[in-house]
Protein backbone atom coordinates (compact mmCIF):
# COMPACT_ATOMS: atom_id res chain seq x y z
CA MET A 1 170.43 273.66 104.16
CA LEU A 2 167.11 275.30 105.11
CA ALA A 3 165.15 273.15 102.66
CA SER A 4 166.84 270.02 104.08
CA PHE A 5 165.93 271.11 107.63
CA LEU A 6 162.30 271.77 106.66
CA ASP A 7 162.11 268.34 105.01
CA ALA A 8 163.41 266.77 108.24
CA VAL A 9 161.06 268.80 110.46
CA PRO A 10 157.93 269.26 108.32
CA ASP A 11 155.80 270.71 111.14
CA PHE A 12 158.45 273.28 112.17
CA ALA A 13 157.02 276.49 113.64
CA ALA A 14 158.65 279.61 115.07
CA GLU A 15 156.45 281.64 117.41
CA PRO A 16 157.76 285.10 118.30
CA VAL A 17 157.38 285.74 122.04
CA ARG A 18 159.36 288.95 122.58
CA VAL A 19 160.37 291.83 120.31
CA VAL A 20 162.73 294.59 121.45
CA ALA A 21 163.58 297.55 119.21
CA GLU A 22 165.61 300.70 119.76
CA ASP A 23 166.84 303.06 117.04
CA ASP A 24 168.31 300.83 114.28
CA TRP A 25 168.72 297.74 116.53
CA PHE A 26 166.20 294.98 117.21
CA ALA A 27 165.99 291.53 118.74
CA ILE A 28 163.31 288.83 118.55
CA SER A 29 162.90 285.79 120.81
CA PHE A 30 161.19 282.74 119.33
CA VAL A 31 159.87 279.44 120.65
CA LEU A 32 160.73 276.77 118.07
CA THR A 33 158.61 273.63 117.84
CA GLY A 34 158.35 270.61 115.54
CA ALA A 35 159.20 266.93 115.27
CA ASN A 36 162.35 265.63 113.57
CA THR A 37 160.82 262.85 111.48
CA GLY A 38 163.09 262.74 108.44
CA PRO A 39 166.80 262.67 107.60
CA PHE A 40 168.87 265.83 108.03
CA THR A 41 172.41 266.16 106.65
CA ARG A 42 172.48 262.42 105.93
CA THR A 43 171.49 261.54 109.51
CA PRO A 44 168.24 259.58 109.93
CA GLY A 45 165.42 261.30 111.79
CA PRO A 46 164.94 260.09 115.36
CA SER A 47 161.27 261.21 115.50
CA THR A 48 161.95 263.45 118.50
CA ALA A 49 160.16 266.66 119.41
CA LEU A 50 161.65 270.15 119.27
CA PRO A 51 162.20 271.39 121.88
CA PRO A 52 162.84 268.18 123.80
CA PRO A 53 160.88 267.83 127.05
CA ALA A 54 162.80 269.37 129.95
CA ASP A 55 163.89 267.22 132.89
CA PRO A 56 163.51 268.88 136.31
CA GLY A 57 166.75 270.65 137.21
CA LYS A 58 168.08 270.53 133.64
CA LEU A 59 168.66 273.28 131.08
CA ALA A 60 165.31 274.06 129.45
CA ASP A 61 166.19 276.67 126.85
CA HIS A 62 169.01 278.02 124.73
CA TRP A 63 169.88 281.59 123.81
CA GLY A 64 171.88 282.36 120.70
CA LEU A 65 172.84 285.39 118.66
CA VAL A 66 173.21 285.61 114.91
CA ASP A 67 174.71 288.79 113.48
CA LEU A 68 173.36 288.47 109.94
CA ALA A 69 174.69 291.83 108.72
CA THR A 70 178.28 290.88 109.62
CA LEU A 71 177.83 287.33 108.32
CA PHE A 72 176.56 288.52 104.92
CA ALA A 73 179.31 291.18 104.70
CA GLN A 74 181.95 288.50 105.32
CA LEU A 75 180.41 286.16 102.76
CA GLN A 76 180.48 288.87 100.09
CA SER A 77 184.16 289.76 100.62
C-alpha cells in the first residue's frame, strides 16, 4: 500500500512541525505535501496537490491519531 501511494505521489514529503514527548509517550505533527500524479488503488491520478488549497472559511487541516502499538498487537493476535 505504501509503495503504491509513493508511486502515485512521487514528490511526497512529510515535514515535522511539532514534537511533544513526555515519559514513554510522544506525538509528532507533520505537514504533508506532494502532487497526486499517478494511479492509486486502481483510481487514476487527478494531478492535484496535497494538501489542496484552502478556500476561505473552509476546513484547512486534518488531525488524526494512529495507535501503532495497539494496531500491531491486534495484527499479531
